[in-house]
Amino acid sequence: MKPVDLWRHEARRAGLPALLGPPVLAALILLLAAFGDRLGSREDNTRWFLMGALERGVPLLAGVVAASPAGRDPAAELRLAIPDGYRPALLRRLAVALGCVALSSLAVSSVLMASGWWTFAYGGAAGQLVWLAPSLWLAALGLCCAAALRSTAAATSLVAFVWTGEQLFGGVLADNAAYRLLHLFATTSWSVDGWPLNRLVLMGTAVPMAAGAWLLLGNAERVLEGEPG
Protein backbone atom coordinates (compact mmCIF):
# COMPACT_ATOMS: atom_id res chain seq x y z
CA MET A 1 0.00 0.00 0.00
CA LYS A 2 1.36 3.40 -1.00
CA PRO A 3 1.97 6.04 1.69
CA VAL A 4 -0.79 8.25 0.28
CA ASP A 5 -3.21 5.33 0.52
CA LEU A 6 -2.24 4.78 4.15
CA TRP A 7 -2.95 8.44 4.94
CA ARG A 8 -6.30 8.30 3.12
CA HIS A 9 -7.26 5.19 5.03
CA GLU A 10 -6.43 6.74 8.40
CA ALA A 11 -8.28 9.93 7.43
CA ARG A 12 -11.39 7.79 6.86
CA ARG A 13 -10.80 5.97 10.14
CA ALA A 14 -10.63 9.30 11.97
CA GLY A 15 -14.28 9.86 11.11
CA LEU A 16 -16.29 12.81 9.86
CA PRO A 17 -16.92 14.36 13.30
CA ALA A 18 -13.18 14.66 13.92
CA LEU A 19 -12.58 16.14 10.47
CA LEU A 20 -15.59 18.46 10.29
CA GLY A 21 -15.72 19.59 13.92
CA PRO A 22 -12.75 22.00 13.72
CA PRO A 23 -13.86 23.88 10.58
CA VAL A 24 -17.41 24.12 11.91
CA LEU A 25 -16.15 25.62 15.17
CA ALA A 26 -13.90 27.97 13.19
CA ALA A 27 -16.85 29.09 11.07
CA LEU A 28 -18.96 29.79 14.16
CA ILE A 29 -16.17 31.88 15.71
CA LEU A 30 -15.76 33.91 12.52
CA LEU A 31 -19.53 34.41 12.25
CA LEU A 32 -19.54 35.78 15.79
CA ALA A 33 -16.72 38.14 14.85
CA ALA A 34 -18.62 39.32 11.79
CA PHE A 35 -22.13 39.61 13.21
CA GLY A 36 -21.68 39.88 16.98
CA ASP A 37 -22.73 43.52 17.06
CA ARG A 38 -25.87 42.79 15.04
CA LEU A 39 -26.79 40.14 17.59
CA GLY A 40 -26.70 42.76 20.32
CA SER A 41 -23.39 41.71 21.86
CA ARG A 42 -21.21 44.48 23.26
CA GLU A 43 -17.76 44.74 21.71
CA ASP A 44 -15.94 43.77 24.93
CA ASN A 45 -18.20 40.76 25.39
CA THR A 46 -17.75 39.69 21.78
CA ARG A 47 -13.99 39.98 22.12
CA TRP A 48 -13.99 37.80 25.26
CA PHE A 49 -16.23 35.19 23.65
CA LEU A 50 -13.97 35.04 20.60
CA MET A 51 -10.87 34.48 22.70
CA GLY A 52 -12.77 32.10 24.97
CA ALA A 53 -13.93 29.98 22.05
CA LEU A 54 -10.36 29.81 20.78
CA GLU A 55 -8.75 29.02 24.14
CA ARG A 56 -11.50 26.86 25.65
CA GLY A 57 -13.45 25.34 22.77
CA VAL A 58 -10.52 24.25 20.61
CA PRO A 59 -8.69 22.33 23.39
CA LEU A 60 -11.83 20.43 24.33
CA LEU A 61 -12.21 19.39 20.71
CA ALA A 62 -8.55 18.34 20.55
CA GLY A 63 -8.85 16.32 23.75
CA VAL A 64 -11.93 14.44 22.60
CA VAL A 65 -10.40 13.77 19.17
CA ALA A 66 -7.22 12.36 20.73
CA ALA A 67 -9.18 10.20 23.16
CA SER A 68 -11.26 8.47 20.51
CA PRO A 69 -9.20 7.20 17.51
CA ALA A 70 -8.26 3.81 18.97
CA GLY A 71 -11.91 2.99 19.59
CA ARG A 72 -12.68 3.32 15.87
CA ASP A 73 -10.97 0.04 14.96
CA PRO A 74 -13.61 -2.67 14.35
CA ALA A 75 -11.57 -5.50 15.90
CA ALA A 76 -8.58 -5.47 18.21
CA GLU A 77 -6.88 -8.26 16.25
CA LEU A 78 -6.80 -6.11 13.11
CA ARG A 79 -4.62 -3.56 14.88
CA LEU A 80 -1.67 -5.93 14.95
CA ALA A 81 -2.18 -6.90 11.29
CA ILE A 82 -1.42 -3.39 10.03
CA PRO A 83 1.68 -3.68 7.77
CA ASP A 84 3.86 -1.01 9.37
CA GLY A 85 2.51 -1.40 12.89
CA TYR A 86 -0.39 -0.12 14.93
CA ARG A 87 1.32 2.84 16.57
CA PRO A 88 2.44 4.47 13.29
CA ALA A 89 -1.08 3.98 11.91
CA LEU A 90 -2.61 5.58 14.99
CA LEU A 91 -0.11 8.41 14.76
CA ARG A 92 -1.20 9.10 11.18
CA ARG A 93 -4.83 9.10 12.28
CA LEU A 94 -4.08 11.53 15.08
CA ALA A 95 -1.99 13.71 12.78
CA VAL A 96 -4.89 14.04 10.35
CA ALA A 97 -7.49 14.79 13.03
CA LEU A 98 -5.35 17.12 15.13
CA GLY A 99 -3.99 18.70 11.96
CA CYS A 100 -7.55 19.78 11.13
CA VAL A 101 -7.82 21.31 14.60
CA ALA A 102 -4.52 23.14 14.21
CA LEU A 103 -5.18 24.49 10.70
CA SER A 104 -8.65 25.72 11.64
CA SER A 105 -7.36 27.38 14.81
CA LEU A 106 -4.45 28.99 13.00
CA ALA A 107 -6.81 30.40 10.39
CA VAL A 108 -9.18 31.81 13.02
CA SER A 109 -6.45 33.39 15.14
CA SER A 110 -4.86 34.92 12.05
CA VAL A 111 -8.18 36.46 11.00
CA LEU A 112 -8.80 37.81 14.51
CA MET A 113 -5.34 39.39 14.57
CA ALA A 114 -5.74 40.91 11.12
CA SER A 115 -9.25 42.24 11.79
CA GLY A 116 -8.45 43.97 15.08
CA TRP A 117 -10.38 41.66 17.39
CA TRP A 118 -7.13 40.40 18.92
CA THR A 119 -6.03 42.73 21.71
CA PHE A 120 -4.12 40.22 23.82
CA ALA A 121 -0.59 41.34 24.69
CA TYR A 122 0.97 38.45 22.77
CA GLY A 123 0.28 38.22 19.04
CA GLY A 124 1.93 36.64 16.02
CA ALA A 125 3.57 33.26 16.58
CA ALA A 126 3.51 33.62 20.39
CA GLY A 127 -0.21 34.33 20.24
CA GLN A 128 -0.85 30.87 18.78
CA LEU A 129 -0.03 29.47 22.22
CA VAL A 130 -3.44 30.77 23.34
CA TRP A 131 -5.01 27.67 21.81
CA LEU A 132 -1.98 25.46 21.09
CA ALA A 133 -0.70 24.90 24.64
CA PRO A 134 -4.02 23.83 26.23
CA SER A 135 -4.88 21.81 23.11
CA LEU A 136 -1.64 19.83 23.32
CA TRP A 137 -2.18 19.24 27.04
CA LEU A 138 -5.75 17.97 26.71
CA ALA A 139 -4.87 15.94 23.60
CA ALA A 140 -2.02 14.26 25.49
CA LEU A 141 -4.35 13.61 28.43
CA GLY A 142 -7.01 12.12 26.16
CA LEU A 143 -4.56 9.85 24.35
CA CYS A 144 -2.91 8.73 27.58
CA CYS A 145 -6.25 7.94 29.22
CA ALA A 146 -7.44 6.07 26.14
CA ALA A 147 -4.25 3.99 26.09
CA ALA A 148 -4.30 3.32 29.84
CA LEU A 149 -8.02 2.62 30.28
CA ARG A 150 -8.61 1.08 26.82
CA SER A 151 -11.98 2.84 26.82
CA THR A 152 -12.97 5.71 24.57
CA ALA A 153 -15.95 6.56 26.77
CA ALA A 154 -13.83 6.72 29.93
CA ALA A 155 -11.09 8.75 28.24
CA THR A 156 -13.45 11.32 26.75
CA SER A 157 -15.29 11.56 30.07
CA LEU A 158 -12.05 12.32 31.90
CA VAL A 159 -11.14 14.98 29.35
CA ALA A 160 -14.57 16.57 29.79
CA PHE A 161 -14.26 16.31 33.58
CA VAL A 162 -10.91 18.12 33.64
CA TRP A 163 -12.15 20.74 31.18
CA THR A 164 -15.26 21.40 33.26
CA GLY A 165 -13.26 21.52 36.49
CA GLU A 166 -11.01 24.16 34.98
CA GLN A 167 -14.08 26.24 34.17
CA LEU A 168 -15.58 25.89 37.63
CA PHE A 169 -12.56 26.25 39.90
CA GLY A 170 -10.19 28.44 37.90
CA GLY A 171 -11.27 31.57 39.75
CA VAL A 172 -11.21 29.96 43.19
CA LEU A 173 -7.65 28.69 42.74
CA ALA A 174 -6.35 31.79 40.96
CA ASP A 175 -4.11 32.74 43.90
CA ASN A 176 -2.45 29.32 44.05
CA ALA A 177 0.98 29.64 42.43
CA ALA A 178 1.22 25.95 41.47
CA TYR A 179 -2.23 25.94 39.92
CA ARG A 180 -1.48 29.07 37.90
CA LEU A 181 1.33 27.18 36.19
CA LEU A 182 -1.05 24.48 34.98
CA HIS A 183 -4.26 26.41 34.41
CA LEU A 184 -5.44 25.68 30.88
CA PHE A 185 -7.29 28.93 30.34
CA ALA A 186 -4.93 31.56 31.71
CA THR A 187 -5.45 33.86 28.72
CA THR A 188 -9.11 34.53 29.45
CA SER A 189 -8.94 34.04 33.23
CA TRP A 190 -6.46 36.68 34.37
CA SER A 191 -3.79 39.12 33.24
CA VAL A 192 -0.67 38.30 31.23
CA ASP A 193 1.48 37.96 34.36
CA GLY A 194 3.16 34.57 34.19
CA TRP A 195 1.39 33.67 30.93
CA PRO A 196 4.52 32.62 28.98
CA LEU A 197 5.63 30.34 31.81
CA ASN A 198 2.13 28.87 32.06
CA ARG A 199 2.17 28.00 28.35
CA LEU A 200 5.63 26.42 28.59
CA VAL A 201 4.64 24.34 31.62
CA LEU A 202 1.51 23.08 29.86
CA MET A 203 3.48 21.96 26.83
CA GLY A 204 6.23 20.49 28.98
CA THR A 205 3.83 18.42 31.09
CA ALA A 206 2.06 17.19 27.96
CA VAL A 207 5.24 15.40 26.87
CA PRO A 208 5.31 12.69 29.59
CA MET A 209 1.61 11.98 29.07
CA ALA A 210 2.16 11.53 25.33
CA ALA A 211 5.24 9.38 25.99
CA GLY A 212 3.27 7.20 28.40
CA ALA A 213 0.54 6.72 25.80
CA TRP A 214 3.14 5.77 23.19
CA LEU A 215 4.62 3.11 25.46
CA LEU A 216 1.21 1.67 26.37
CA LEU A 217 0.15 1.50 22.73
CA GLY A 218 3.29 -0.52 21.99
CA ASN A 219 2.16 -3.31 24.33
CA ALA A 220 0.81 -5.97 21.99
CA GLU A 221 -1.07 -7.80 24.75
CA ARG A 222 -2.96 -4.67 25.78
CA VAL A 223 -3.74 -3.85 22.14
CA LEU A 224 -5.16 -7.35 21.58
CA GLU A 225 -7.38 -7.07 24.65
CA GLY A 226 -9.20 -4.11 23.10
CA GLU A 227 -11.75 -2.19 25.13
CA PRO A 228 -12.96 -3.90 28.32
CA GLY A 229 -16.25 -5.60 27.80
C-alpha atoms as a PDB file:
ATOM      1  CA  MET A   1       0.000   0.000   0.000  1.00  0.00           C
ATOM      2  CA  LYS A   2       1.364   3.402  -1.002  1.00  0.00           C
ATOM      3  CA  PRO A   3       1.966   6.035   1.687  1.00  0.00           C
ATOM      4  CA  VAL A   4      -0.785   8.252   0.283  1.00  0.00           C
ATOM      5  CA  ASP A   5      -3.209   5.329   0.519  1.00  0.00           C
ATOM      6  CA  LEU A   6      -2.243   4.782   4.147  1.00  0.00           C
ATOM      7  CA  TRP A   7      -2.951   8.438   4.938  1.00  0.00           C
ATOM      8  CA  ARG A   8      -6.296   8.303   3.124  1.00  0.00           C
ATOM      9  CA  HIS A   9      -7.264   5.188   5.034  1.00  0.00           C
ATOM     10  CA  GLU A  10      -6.435   6.743   8.400  1.00  0.00           C
ATOM     11  CA  ALA A  11      -8.283   9.930   7.427  1.00  0.00           C
ATOM     12  CA  ARG A  12     -11.387   7.793   6.858  1.00  0.00           C
ATOM     13  CA  ARG A  13     -10.801   5.973  10.140  1.00  0.00           C
ATOM     14  CA  ALA A  14     -10.626   9.304  11.972  1.00  0.00           C
ATOM     15  CA  GLY A  15     -14.276   9.860  11.109  1.00  0.00           C
ATOM     16  CA  LEU A  16     -16.295  12.814   9.855  1.00  0.00           C
ATOM     17  CA  PRO A  17     -16.923  14.358  13.305  1.00  0.00           C
ATOM     18  CA  ALA A  18     -13.176  14.661  13.918  1.00  0.00           C
ATOM     19  CA  LEU A  19     -12.577  16.142  10.469  1.00  0.00           C
ATOM     20  CA  LEU A  20     -15.591  18.460  10.291  1.00  0.00           C
ATOM     21  CA  GLY A  21     -15.722  19.589  13.923  1.00  0.00           C
ATOM     22  CA  PRO A  22     -12.748  21.996  13.724  1.00  0.00           C
ATOM     23  CA  PRO A  23     -13.856  23.880  10.577  1.00  0.00           C
ATOM     24  CA  VAL A  24     -17.413  24.116  11.909  1.00  0.00           C
ATOM     25  CA  LEU A  25     -16.146  25.623  15.172  1.00  0.00           C
ATOM     26  CA  ALA A  26     -13.905  27.970  13.186  1.00  0.00           C
ATOM     27  CA  ALA A  27     -16.855  29.089  11.066  1.00  0.00           C
ATOM     28  CA  LEU A  28     -18.961  29.788  14.162  1.00  0.00           C
ATOM     29  CA  ILE A  29     -16.173  31.882  15.707  1.00  0.00           C
ATOM     30  CA  LEU A  30     -15.763  33.909  12.521  1.00  0.00           C
ATOM     31  CA  LEU A  31     -19.528  34.410  12.251  1.00  0.00           C
ATOM     32  CA  LEU A  32     -19.535  35.783  15.789  1.00  0.00           C
ATOM     33  CA  ALA A  33     -16.719  38.142  14.854  1.00  0.00           C
ATOM     34  CA  ALA A  34     -18.623  39.320  11.786  1.00  0.00           C
ATOM     35  CA  PHE A  35     -22.131  39.609  13.210  1.00  0.00           C
ATOM     36  CA  GLY A  36     -21.682  39.883  16.981  1.00  0.00           C
ATOM     37  CA  ASP A  37     -22.729  43.524  17.063  1.00  0.00           C
ATOM     38  CA  ARG A  38     -25.867  42.788  15.042  1.00  0.00           C
ATOM     39  CA  LEU A  39     -26.793  40.139  17.586  1.00  0.00           C
ATOM     40  CA  GLY A  40     -26.699  42.764  20.324  1.00  0.00           C
ATOM     41  CA  SER A  41     -23.386  41.710  21.864  1.00  0.00           C
ATOM     42  CA  ARG A  42     -21.207  44.477  23.256  1.00  0.00           C
ATOM     43  CA  GLU A  43     -17.755  44.740  21.710  1.00  0.00           C
ATOM     44  CA  ASP A  44     -15.942  43.767  24.926  1.00  0.00           C
ATOM     45  CA  ASN A  45     -18.201  40.758  25.394  1.00  0.00           C
ATOM     46  CA  THR A  46     -17.746  39.693  21.783  1.00  0.00           C
ATOM     47  CA  ARG A  47     -13.988  39.979  22.122  1.00  0.00           C
ATOM     48  CA  TRP A  48     -13.993  37.802  25.258  1.00  0.00           C
ATOM     49  CA  PHE A  49     -16.231  35.189  23.652  1.00  0.00           C
ATOM     50  CA  LEU A  50     -13.975  35.040  20.598  1.00  0.00           C
ATOM     51  CA  MET A  51     -10.869  34.481  22.704  1.00  0.00           C
ATOM     52  CA  GLY A  52     -12.766  32.104  24.971  1.00  0.00           C
ATOM     53  CA  ALA A  53     -13.928  29.980  22.052  1.00  0.00           C
ATOM     54  CA  LEU A  54     -10.360  29.806  20.781  1.00  0.00           C
ATOM     55  CA  GLU A  55      -8.749  29.017  24.138  1.00  0.00           C
ATOM     56  CA  ARG A  56     -11.498  26.861  25.647  1.00  0.00           C
ATOM     57  CA  GLY A  57     -13.453  25.342  22.766  1.00  0.00           C
ATOM     58  CA  VAL A  58     -10.520  24.254  20.610  1.00  0.00           C
ATOM     59  CA  PRO A  59      -8.686  22.334  23.394  1.00  0.00           C
ATOM     60  CA  LEU A  60     -11.834  20.426  24.326  1.00  0.00           C
ATOM     61  CA  LEU A  61     -12.211  19.391  20.710  1.00  0.00           C
ATOM     62  CA  ALA A  62      -8.553  18.341  20.549  1.00  0.00           C
ATOM     63  CA  GLY A  63      -8.845  16.317  23.749  1.00  0.00           C
ATOM     64  CA  VAL A  64     -11.932  14.436  22.597  1.00  0.00           C
ATOM     65  CA  VAL A  65     -10.404  13.774  19.170  1.00  0.00           C
ATOM     66  CA  ALA A  66      -7.221  12.359  20.728  1.00  0.00           C
ATOM     67  CA  ALA A  67      -9.183  10.197  23.162  1.00  0.00           C
ATOM     68  CA  SER A  68     -11.263   8.467  20.514  1.00  0.00           C
ATOM     69  CA  PRO A  69      -9.202   7.204  17.514  1.00  0.00           C
ATOM     70  CA  ALA A  70      -8.257   3.815  18.966  1.00  0.00           C
ATOM     71  CA  GLY A  71     -11.911   2.988  19.586  1.00  0.00           C
ATOM     72  CA  ARG A  72     -12.678   3.317  15.871  1.00  0.00           C
ATOM     73  CA  ASP A  73     -10.974   0.044  14.965  1.00  0.00           C
ATOM     74  CA  PRO A  74     -13.612  -2.666  14.348  1.00  0.00           C
ATOM     75  CA  ALA A  75     -11.571  -5.497  15.897  1.00  0.00           C
ATOM     76  CA  ALA A  76      -8.584  -5.468  18.213  1.00  0.00           C
ATOM     77  CA  GLU A  77      -6.883  -8.257  16.254  1.00  0.00           C
ATOM     78  CA  LEU A  78      -6.804  -6.114  13.113  1.00  0.00           C
ATOM     79  CA  ARG A  79      -4.624  -3.559  14.876  1.00  0.00           C
ATOM     80  CA  LEU A  80      -1.667  -5.927  14.945  1.00  0.00           C
ATOM     81  CA  ALA A  81      -2.185  -6.896  11.287  1.00  0.00           C
ATOM     82  CA  ILE A  82      -1.421  -3.388  10.028  1.00  0.00           C
ATOM     83  CA  PRO A  83       1.675  -3.675   7.769  1.00  0.00           C
ATOM     84  CA  ASP A  84       3.862  -1.009   9.371  1.00  0.00           C
ATOM     85  CA  GLY A  85       2.515  -1.404  12.894  1.00  0.00           C
ATOM     86  CA  TYR A  86      -0.395  -0.124  14.930  1.00  0.00           C
ATOM     87  CA  ARG A  87       1.322   2.843  16.575  1.00  0.00           C
ATOM     88  CA  PRO A  88       2.437   4.472  13.291  1.00  0.00           C
ATOM     89  CA  ALA A  89      -1.079   3.985  11.912  1.00  0.00           C
ATOM     90  CA  LEU A  90      -2.611   5.580  14.985  1.00  0.00           C
ATOM     91  CA  LEU A  91      -0.110   8.414  14.759  1.00  0.00           C
ATOM     92  CA  ARG A  92      -1.203   9.101  11.182  1.00  0.00           C
ATOM     93  CA  ARG A  93      -4.832   9.103  12.281  1.00  0.00           C
ATOM     94  CA  LEU A  94      -4.085  11.534  15.078  1.00  0.00           C
ATOM     95  CA  ALA A  95      -1.992  13.708  12.776  1.00  0.00           C
ATOM     96  CA  VAL A  96      -4.893  14.035  10.351  1.00  0.00           C
ATOM     97  CA  ALA A  97      -7.488  14.788  13.029  1.00  0.00           C
ATOM     98  CA  LEU A  98      -5.352  17.120  15.130  1.00  0.00           C
ATOM     99  CA  GLY A  99      -3.993  18.701  11.961  1.00  0.00           C
ATOM    100  CA  CYS A 100      -7.553  19.781  11.135  1.00  0.00           C
ATOM    101  CA  VAL A 101      -7.817  21.308  14.605  1.00  0.00           C
ATOM    102  CA  ALA A 102      -4.515  23.139  14.207  1.00  0.00           C
ATOM    103  CA  LEU A 103      -5.179  24.489  10.705  1.00  0.00           C
ATOM    104  CA  SER A 104      -8.649  25.716  11.642  1.00  0.00           C
ATOM    105  CA  SER A 105      -7.361  27.382  14.814  1.00  0.00           C
ATOM    106  CA  LEU A 106      -4.449  28.987  12.999  1.00  0.00           C
ATOM    107  CA  ALA A 107      -6.807  30.396  10.388  1.00  0.00           C
ATOM    108  CA  VAL A 108      -9.181  31.808  13.018  1.00  0.00           C
ATOM    109  CA  SER A 109      -6.453  33.385  15.145  1.00  0.00           C
ATOM    110  CA  SER A 110      -4.859  34.925  12.053  1.00  0.00           C
ATOM    111  CA  VAL A 111      -8.179  36.459  11.002  1.00  0.00           C
ATOM    112  CA  LEU A 112      -8.801  37.811  14.513  1.00  0.00           C
ATOM    113  CA  MET A 113      -5.341  39.386  14.572  1.00  0.00           C
ATOM    114  CA  ALA A 114      -5.744  40.914  11.121  1.00  0.00           C
ATOM    115  CA  SER A 115      -9.254  42.237  11.794  1.00  0.00           C
ATOM    116  CA  GLY A 116      -8.452  43.966  15.081  1.00  0.00           C
ATOM    117  CA  TRP A 117     -10.376  41.659  17.385  1.00  0.00           C
ATOM    118  CA  TRP A 118      -7.130  40.397  18.917  1.00  0.00           C
ATOM    119  CA  THR A 119      -6.029  42.734  21.709  1.00  0.00           C
ATOM    120  CA  PHE A 120      -4.117  40.217  23.816  1.00  0.00           C
ATOM    121  CA  ALA A 121      -0.591  41.345  24.687  1.00  0.00           C
ATOM    122  CA  TYR A 122       0.971  38.448  22.767  1.00  0.00           C
ATOM    123  CA  GLY A 123       0.284  38.217  19.043  1.00  0.00           C
ATOM    124  CA  GLY A 124       1.932  36.642  16.025  1.00  0.00           C
ATOM    125  CA  ALA A 125       3.573  33.263  16.585  1.00  0.00           C
ATOM    126  CA  ALA A 126       3.508  33.618  20.385  1.00  0.00           C
ATOM    127  CA  GLY A 127      -0.209  34.331  20.239  1.00  0.00           C
ATOM    128  CA  GLN A 128      -0.845  30.871  18.784  1.00  0.00           C
ATOM    129  CA  LEU A 129      -0.029  29.473  22.220  1.00  0.00           C
ATOM    130  CA  VAL A 130      -3.435  30.770  23.345  1.00  0.00           C
ATOM    131  CA  TRP A 131      -5.011  27.666  21.814  1.00  0.00           C
ATOM    132  CA  LEU A 132      -1.979  25.461  21.091  1.00  0.00           C
ATOM    133  CA  ALA A 133      -0.698  24.902  24.637  1.00  0.00           C
ATOM    134  CA  PRO A 134      -4.024  23.826  26.225  1.00  0.00           C
ATOM    135  CA  SER A 135      -4.876  21.811  23.111  1.00  0.00           C
ATOM    136  CA  LEU A 136      -1.640  19.834  23.324  1.00  0.00           C
ATOM    137  CA  TRP A 137      -2.182  19.237  27.040  1.00  0.00           C
ATOM    138  CA  LEU A 138      -5.751  17.969  26.712  1.00  0.00           C
ATOM    139  CA  ALA A 139      -4.868  15.943  23.605  1.00  0.00           C
ATOM    140  CA  ALA A 140      -2.016  14.262  25.490  1.00  0.00           C
ATOM    141  CA  LEU A 141      -4.350  13.609  28.431  1.00  0.00           C
ATOM    142  CA  GLY A 142      -7.007  12.120  26.163  1.00  0.00           C
ATOM    143  CA  LEU A 143      -4.557   9.853  24.346  1.00  0.00           C
ATOM    144  CA  CYS A 144      -2.906   8.732  27.577  1.00  0.00           C
ATOM    145  CA  CYS A 145      -6.254   7.940  29.224  1.00  0.00           C
ATOM    146  CA  ALA A 146      -7.438   6.065  26.136  1.00  0.00           C
ATOM    147  CA  ALA A 147      -4.255   3.985  26.092  1.00  0.00           C
ATOM    148  CA  ALA A 148      -4.299   3.315  29.839  1.00  0.00           C
ATOM    149  CA  LEU A 149      -8.016   2.617  30.276  1.00  0.00           C
ATOM    150  CA  ARG A 150      -8.610   1.081  26.824  1.00  0.00           C
ATOM    151  CA  SER A 151     -11.978   2.843  26.823  1.00  0.00           C
ATOM    152  CA  THR A 152     -12.969   5.712  24.570  1.00  0.00           C
ATOM    153  CA  ALA A 153     -15.951   6.563  26.773  1.00  0.00           C
ATOM    154  CA  ALA A 154     -13.830   6.724  29.929  1.00  0.00           C
ATOM    155  CA  ALA A 155     -11.089   8.747  28.240  1.00  0.00           C
ATOM    156  CA  THR A 156     -13.452  11.318  26.745  1.00  0.00           C
ATOM    157  CA  SER A 157     -15.294  11.564  30.065  1.00  0.00           C
ATOM    158  CA  LEU A 158     -12.048  12.325  31.897  1.00  0.00           C
ATOM    159  CA  VAL A 159     -11.142  14.985  29.346  1.00  0.00           C
ATOM    160  CA  ALA A 160     -14.569  16.571  29.787  1.00  0.00           C
ATOM    161  CA  PHE A 161     -14.265  16.310  33.583  1.00  0.00           C
ATOM    162  CA  VAL A 162     -10.908  18.116  33.639  1.00  0.00           C
ATOM    163  CA  TRP A 163     -12.148  20.741  31.183  1.00  0.00           C
ATOM    164  CA  THR A 164     -15.263  21.398  33.264  1.00  0.00           C
ATOM    165  CA  GLY A 165     -13.260  21.519  36.490  1.00  0.00           C
ATOM    166  CA  GLU A 166     -11.006  24.163  34.982  1.00  0.00           C
ATOM    167  CA  GLN A 167     -14.081  26.239  34.174  1.00  0.00           C
ATOM    168  CA  LEU A 168     -15.582  25.895  37.634  1.00  0.00           C
ATOM    169  CA  PHE A 169     -12.556  26.252  39.898  1.00  0.00           C
ATOM    170  CA  GLY A 170     -10.186  28.443  37.901  1.00  0.00           C
ATOM    171  CA  GLY A 171     -11.271  31.572  39.748  1.00  0.00           C
ATOM    172  CA  VAL A 172     -11.212  29.955  43.186  1.00  0.00           C
ATOM    173  CA  LEU A 173      -7.645  28.693  42.737  1.00  0.00           C
ATOM    174  CA  ALA A 174      -6.347  31.789  40.961  1.00  0.00           C
ATOM    175  CA  ASP A 175      -4.107  32.742  43.895  1.00  0.00           C
ATOM    176  CA  ASN A 176      -2.452  29.319  44.046  1.00  0.00           C
ATOM    177  CA  ALA A 177       0.981  29.637  42.429  1.00  0.00           C
ATOM    178  CA  ALA A 178       1.222  25.954  41.474  1.00  0.00           C
ATOM    179  CA  TYR A 179      -2.226  25.944  39.918  1.00  0.00           C
ATOM    180  CA  ARG A 180      -1.478  29.070  37.898  1.00  0.00           C
ATOM    181  CA  LEU A 181       1.330  27.177  36.187  1.00  0.00           C
ATOM    182  CA  LEU A 182      -1.055  24.475  34.978  1.00  0.00           C
ATOM    183  CA  HIS A 183      -4.265  26.412  34.407  1.00  0.00           C
ATOM    184  CA  LEU A 184      -5.442  25.680  30.882  1.00  0.00           C
ATOM    185  CA  PHE A 185      -7.289  28.929  30.340  1.00  0.00           C
ATOM    186  CA  ALA A 186      -4.932  31.557  31.712  1.00  0.00           C
ATOM    187  CA  THR A 187      -5.453  33.862  28.721  1.00  0.00           C
ATOM    188  CA  THR A 188      -9.115  34.527  29.452  1.00  0.00           C
ATOM    189  CA  SER A 189      -8.940  34.040  33.226  1.00  0.00           C
ATOM    190  CA  TRP A 190      -6.458  36.676  34.369  1.00  0.00           C
ATOM    191  CA  SER A 191      -3.785  39.119  33.242  1.00  0.00           C
ATOM    192  CA  VAL A 192      -0.671  38.298  31.231  1.00  0.00           C
ATOM    193  CA  ASP A 193       1.483  37.965  34.362  1.00  0.00           C
ATOM    194  CA  GLY A 194       3.159  34.570  34.187  1.00  0.00           C
ATOM    195  CA  TRP A 195       1.390  33.675  30.934  1.00  0.00           C
ATOM    196  CA  PRO A 196       4.519  32.624  28.980  1.00  0.00           C
ATOM    197  CA  LEU A 197       5.629  30.340  31.814  1.00  0.00           C
ATOM    198  CA  ASN A 198       2.134  28.874  32.059  1.00  0.00           C
ATOM    199  CA  ARG A 199       2.173  27.996  28.346  1.00  0.00           C
ATOM    200  CA  LEU A 200       5.627  26.420  28.591  1.00  0.00           C
ATOM    201  CA  VAL A 201       4.636  24.337  31.619  1.00  0.00           C
ATOM    202  CA  LEU A 202       1.511  23.084  29.863  1.00  0.00           C
ATOM    203  CA  MET A 203       3.476  21.962  26.826  1.00  0.00           C
ATOM    204  CA  GLY A 204       6.229  20.492  28.978  1.00  0.00           C
ATOM    205  CA  THR A 205       3.825  18.418  31.088  1.00  0.00           C
ATOM    206  CA  ALA A 206       2.059  17.188  27.956  1.00  0.00           C
ATOM    207  CA  VAL A 207       5.244  15.398  26.869  1.00  0.00           C
ATOM    208  CA  PRO A 208       5.311  12.690  29.591  1.00  0.00           C
ATOM    209  CA  MET A 209       1.607  11.975  29.071  1.00  0.00           C
ATOM    210  CA  ALA A 210       2.163  11.530  25.335  1.00  0.00           C
ATOM    211  CA  ALA A 211       5.235   9.379  25.994  1.00  0.00           C
ATOM    212  CA  GLY A 212       3.270   7.197  28.401  1.00  0.00           C
ATOM    213  CA  ALA A 213       0.544   6.721  25.804  1.00  0.00           C
ATOM    214  CA  TRP A 214       3.140   5.774  23.186  1.00  0.00           C
ATOM    215  CA  LEU A 215       4.617   3.109  25.462  1.00  0.00           C
ATOM    216  CA  LEU A 216       1.213   1.672  26.367  1.00  0.00           C
ATOM    217  CA  LEU A 217       0.153   1.499  22.732  1.00  0.00           C
ATOM    218  CA  GLY A 218       3.288  -0.522  21.993  1.00  0.00           C
ATOM    219  CA  ASN A 219       2.165  -3.305  24.335  1.00  0.00           C
ATOM    220  CA  ALA A 220       0.807  -5.973  21.987  1.00  0.00           C
ATOM    221  CA  GLU A 221      -1.069  -7.803  24.747  1.00  0.00           C
ATOM    222  CA  ARG A 222      -2.957  -4.669  25.780  1.00  0.00           C
ATOM    223  CA  VAL A 223      -3.743  -3.852  22.144  1.00  0.00           C
ATOM    224  CA  LEU A 224      -5.164  -7.347  21.580  1.00  0.00           C
ATOM    225  CA  GLU A 225      -7.381  -7.069  24.646  1.00  0.00           C
ATOM    226  CA  GLY A 226      -9.198  -4.111  23.101  1.00  0.00           C
ATOM    227  CA  GLU A 227     -11.754  -2.189  25.126  1.00  0.00           C
ATOM    228  CA  PRO A 228     -12.957  -3.895  28.322  1.00  0.00           C
ATOM    229  CA  GLY A 229     -16.246  -5.598  27.799  1.00  0.00           C
END
